[in-house]
Amino acid sequence: MAAKKPLTFSLHQPPPALAAAPELAARALPKATATGGRKQVGARIPEALYRQLKARAALSGEPVQALLETAVVEYLRQHGTGTE
């Protein structure tokens, strides 16, 4: 079994998935509508990991949500959406 490539993303450029697969980005990052247009997702992660995420968000000036959305879009671009 081949080793999985680690998930990486840049805080200084838009996620490659947005340029490489606009249809994926449209499904992964739907525009908010008057009725919400978004789903809340809950996950438990190690406290140290969350502190690192919050620190990176603060340093980049981006909200944690934006970093998580970027990471999810990149992950789905690399591994597929599961709807194929």
N, C-alpha and C. Protein backbone atom coordinates (compact mmCIF):
# COMPACT_ATOMS: atom_id res chain seq x y z
N MET A 1 0.84 -1.17 0.00
CA MET A 1 0.00 0.00 0.00
C MET A 1 0.89 1.24 0.00
N ALA A 2 0.65 2.14 -0.92
CA ALA A 2 1.46 3.34 -1.05
C ALA A 2 1.14 4.32 0.08
N ALA A 3 2.17 5.04 0.50
CA ALA A 3 1.98 6.06 1.54
C ALA A 3 1.14 7.20 0.98
N LYS A 4 0.28 7.76 1.82
CA LYS A 4 -0.56 8.87 1.39
C LYS A 4 0.25 10.16 1.40
N LYS A 5 -0.02 11.00 0.42
CA LYS A 5 0.62 12.29 0.34
C LYS A 5 0.03 13.18 1.44
N PRO A 6 0.86 13.92 2.19
CA PRO A 6 0.31 14.76 3.25
C PRO A 6 -0.51 15.92 2.67
N LEU A 7 -1.52 16.32 3.41
CA LEU A 7 -2.38 17.43 3.02
C LEU A 7 -1.63 18.73 3.24
N THR A 8 -1.52 19.53 2.20
CA THR A 8 -0.86 20.83 2.32
C THR A 8 -1.69 21.88 1.62
N PHE A 9 -1.56 23.11 2.07
CA PHE A 9 -2.21 24.23 1.40
C PHE A 9 -1.46 25.50 1.72
N SER A 10 -1.62 26.50 0.86
CA SER A 10 -0.94 27.77 1.02
C SER A 10 -1.90 28.80 1.59
N LEU A 11 -1.40 29.60 2.51
CA LEU A 11 -2.20 30.68 3.07
C LEU A 11 -2.11 31.94 2.24
N HIS A 12 -1.22 31.94 1.26
CA HIS A 12 -0.96 33.15 0.48
C HIS A 12 -1.54 33.09 -0.93
N GLN A 13 -2.12 31.98 -1.31
CA GLN A 13 -2.70 31.83 -2.64
C GLN A 13 -4.06 31.14 -2.51
N PRO A 14 -4.96 31.40 -3.47
CA PRO A 14 -6.23 30.67 -3.43
C PRO A 14 -5.96 29.18 -3.59
N PRO A 15 -6.82 28.33 -3.05
CA PRO A 15 -6.59 26.90 -3.18
C PRO A 15 -6.57 26.48 -4.64
N PRO A 16 -5.64 25.60 -5.02
CA PRO A 16 -5.56 25.14 -6.41
C PRO A 16 -6.86 24.55 -6.90
N ALA A 17 -7.65 23.98 -6.01
CA ALA A 17 -8.91 23.37 -6.43
C ALA A 17 -9.85 24.39 -7.04
N LEU A 18 -9.76 25.63 -6.58
CA LEU A 18 -10.65 26.65 -7.13
C LEU A 18 -10.32 26.96 -8.58
N ALA A 19 -9.05 26.92 -8.93
CA ALA A 19 -8.65 27.18 -10.31
C ALA A 19 -8.71 25.91 -11.15
N ALA A 20 -8.32 24.78 -10.57
CA ALA A 20 -8.21 23.54 -11.33
C ALA A 20 -9.56 22.86 -11.56
N ALA A 21 -10.48 23.03 -10.63
CA ALA A 21 -11.77 22.35 -10.75
C ALA A 21 -12.88 23.26 -10.22
N PRO A 22 -13.28 24.26 -11.02
CA PRO A 22 -14.30 25.18 -10.54
C PRO A 22 -15.61 24.51 -10.16
N GLU A 23 -15.95 23.39 -10.85
CA GLU A 23 -17.19 22.69 -10.51
C GLU A 23 -17.10 22.07 -9.13
N LEU A 24 -15.91 21.58 -8.73
CA LEU A 24 -15.72 21.05 -7.39
C LEU A 24 -15.82 22.17 -6.37
N ALA A 25 -15.19 23.29 -6.66
CA ALA A 25 -15.23 24.42 -5.73
C ALA A 25 -16.66 24.92 -5.56
N ALA A 26 -17.43 24.92 -6.64
CA ALA A 26 -18.82 25.38 -6.55
C ALA A 26 -19.63 24.47 -5.64
N ARG A 27 -19.35 23.16 -5.68
CA ARG A 27 -20.07 22.24 -4.81
C ARG A 27 -19.52 22.27 -3.40
N ALA A 28 -18.21 22.45 -3.26
CA ALA A 28 -17.58 22.40 -1.94
C ALA A 28 -17.77 23.69 -1.16
N LEU A 29 -17.83 24.82 -1.86
CA LEU A 29 -17.98 26.11 -1.21
C LEU A 29 -19.20 26.84 -1.73
N PRO A 30 -20.39 26.35 -1.42
CA PRO A 30 -21.59 27.00 -1.95
C PRO A 30 -21.73 28.41 -1.41
N LYS A 31 -22.31 29.28 -2.23
CA LYS A 31 -22.57 30.64 -1.79
C LYS A 31 -23.66 30.62 -0.73
N ALA A 32 -23.48 31.46 0.28
CA ALA A 32 -24.50 31.55 1.32
C ALA A 32 -25.75 32.18 0.72
N THR A 33 -26.88 31.71 1.13
CA THR A 33 -28.14 32.26 0.65
C THR A 33 -28.90 32.82 1.84
N ALA A 34 -30.06 33.37 1.58
CA ALA A 34 -30.87 33.93 2.65
C ALA A 34 -31.26 32.84 3.66
N THR A 35 -31.31 31.59 3.21
CA THR A 35 -31.68 30.50 4.11
C THR A 35 -30.46 29.84 4.73
N GLY A 36 -29.29 30.37 4.50
CA GLY A 36 -28.09 29.81 5.12
C GLY A 36 -27.10 29.32 4.09
N GLY A 37 -27.44 28.29 3.33
CA GLY A 37 -26.56 27.79 2.29
C GLY A 37 -25.32 27.09 2.81
N ARG A 38 -25.21 26.88 4.07
CA ARG A 38 -24.04 26.22 4.65
C ARG A 38 -24.51 25.21 5.68
N LYS A 39 -23.67 24.23 5.95
CA LYS A 39 -23.95 23.24 6.98
C LYS A 39 -22.90 23.36 8.06
N GLN A 40 -23.32 23.22 9.28
CA GLN A 40 -22.38 23.23 10.40
C GLN A 40 -21.83 21.82 10.56
N VAL A 41 -20.53 21.73 10.75
CA VAL A 41 -19.86 20.45 10.91
C VAL A 41 -19.14 20.47 12.25
N GLY A 42 -19.30 19.42 12.99
CA GLY A 42 -18.62 19.32 14.28
C GLY A 42 -17.57 18.23 14.23
N ALA A 43 -16.45 18.50 14.84
CA ALA A 43 -15.40 17.50 14.90
C ALA A 43 -14.57 17.74 16.16
N ARG A 44 -14.12 16.68 16.74
CA ARG A 44 -13.24 16.80 17.90
C ARG A 44 -11.82 16.53 17.43
N ILE A 45 -10.94 17.50 17.68
CA ILE A 45 -9.53 17.36 17.31
C ILE A 45 -8.69 17.61 18.55
N PRO A 46 -7.46 17.14 18.57
CA PRO A 46 -6.61 17.38 19.74
C PRO A 46 -6.46 18.88 20.01
N GLU A 47 -6.44 19.22 21.29
CA GLU A 47 -6.35 20.62 21.69
C GLU A 47 -5.11 21.30 21.10
N ALA A 48 -3.98 20.59 21.08
CA ALA A 48 -2.75 21.18 20.54
C ALA A 48 -2.91 21.50 19.05
N LEU A 49 -3.59 20.64 18.32
CA LEU A 49 -3.82 20.88 16.90
C LEU A 49 -4.71 22.10 16.70
N TYR A 50 -5.74 22.22 17.53
CA TYR A 50 -6.63 23.38 17.43
C TYR A 50 -5.87 24.67 17.75
N ARG A 51 -5.00 24.64 18.75
CA ARG A 51 -4.21 25.84 19.07
C ARG A 51 -3.32 26.24 17.89
N GLN A 52 -2.74 25.25 17.22
CA GLN A 52 -1.92 25.54 16.05
C GLN A 52 -2.76 26.15 14.94
N LEU A 53 -3.95 25.61 14.74
CA LEU A 53 -4.85 26.13 13.71
C LEU A 53 -5.25 27.57 14.01
N LYS A 54 -5.61 27.84 15.26
CA LYS A 54 -5.99 29.21 15.65
C LYS A 54 -4.82 30.17 15.49
N ALA A 55 -3.62 29.73 15.84
CA ALA A 55 -2.43 30.58 15.70
C ALA A 55 -2.17 30.89 14.23
N ARG A 56 -2.29 29.87 13.36
CA ARG A 56 -2.07 30.08 11.92
C ARG A 56 -3.13 31.04 11.38
N ALA A 57 -4.37 30.89 11.83
CA ALA A 57 -5.44 31.78 11.39
C ALA A 57 -5.14 33.22 11.81
N ALA A 58 -4.70 33.39 13.03
CA ALA A 58 -4.38 34.74 13.52
C ALA A 58 -3.23 35.35 12.74
N LEU A 59 -2.20 34.56 12.47
CA LEU A 59 -1.04 35.07 11.73
C LEU A 59 -1.40 35.43 10.29
N SER A 60 -2.31 34.69 9.71
CA SER A 60 -2.68 34.93 8.31
C SER A 60 -3.79 35.97 8.17
N GLY A 61 -4.46 36.28 9.28
CA GLY A 61 -5.56 37.23 9.22
C GLY A 61 -6.84 36.62 8.67
N GLU A 62 -6.87 35.30 8.57
CA GLU A 62 -8.04 34.58 8.05
C GLU A 62 -8.77 33.93 9.22
N PRO A 63 -10.08 33.79 9.12
CA PRO A 63 -10.80 33.06 10.16
C PRO A 63 -10.49 31.56 10.07
N VAL A 64 -10.62 30.88 11.19
CA VAL A 64 -10.41 29.43 11.22
C VAL A 64 -11.28 28.75 10.18
N GLN A 65 -12.52 29.20 10.03
CA GLN A 65 -13.43 28.60 9.06
C GLN A 65 -12.84 28.62 7.65
N ALA A 66 -12.22 29.73 7.26
CA ALA A 66 -11.65 29.82 5.91
C ALA A 66 -10.51 28.82 5.73
N LEU A 67 -9.69 28.65 6.76
CA LEU A 67 -8.59 27.68 6.67
C LEU A 67 -9.14 26.26 6.56
N LEU A 68 -10.18 25.95 7.33
CA LEU A 68 -10.77 24.62 7.26
C LEU A 68 -11.43 24.37 5.91
N GLU A 69 -12.13 25.37 5.36
CA GLU A 69 -12.74 25.21 4.04
C GLU A 69 -11.68 24.95 2.99
N THR A 70 -10.58 25.69 3.05
CA THR A 70 -9.48 25.50 2.10
C THR A 70 -8.92 24.09 2.21
N ALA A 71 -8.72 23.62 3.43
CA ALA A 71 -8.18 22.28 3.64
C ALA A 71 -9.13 21.21 3.12
N VAL A 72 -10.43 21.37 3.34
CA VAL A 72 -11.41 20.38 2.88
C VAL A 72 -11.47 20.36 1.35
N VAL A 73 -11.48 21.54 0.73
CA VAL A 73 -11.51 21.61 -0.74
C VAL A 73 -10.28 20.92 -1.31
N GLU A 74 -9.12 21.19 -0.74
CA GLU A 74 -7.89 20.57 -1.23
C GLU A 74 -7.93 19.05 -1.04
N TYR A 75 -8.41 18.60 0.10
CA TYR A 75 -8.52 17.17 0.35
C TYR A 75 -9.44 16.50 -0.67
N LEU A 76 -10.59 17.12 -0.91
CA LEU A 76 -11.53 16.55 -1.89
C LEU A 76 -10.96 16.57 -3.30
N ARG A 77 -10.19 17.59 -3.62
CA ARG A 77 -9.56 17.64 -4.95
C ARG A 77 -8.59 16.47 -5.10
N GLN A 78 -7.85 16.17 -4.05
CA GLN A 78 -6.85 15.10 -4.11
C GLN A 78 -7.47 13.71 -4.05
N HIS A 79 -8.56 13.55 -3.30
CA HIS A 79 -9.11 12.22 -3.03
C HIS A 79 -10.49 11.98 -3.64
N GLY A 80 -11.06 12.98 -4.27
CA GLY A 80 -12.39 12.82 -4.86
C GLY A 80 -13.47 13.19 -3.86
N THR A 81 -14.66 13.45 -4.38
CA THR A 81 -15.76 13.89 -3.53
C THR A 81 -16.56 12.74 -2.97
N GLY A 82 -16.37 11.54 -3.51
CA GLY A 82 -17.17 10.40 -3.05
C GLY A 82 -18.52 10.32 -3.75
N THR A 83 -18.78 11.25 -4.68
CA THR A 83 -20.05 11.22 -5.39
C THR A 83 -19.88 10.75 -6.82
N GLU A 84 -18.66 10.39 -7.19
CA GLU A 84 -18.41 9.94 -8.56
C GLU A 84 -19.01 8.58 -8.77
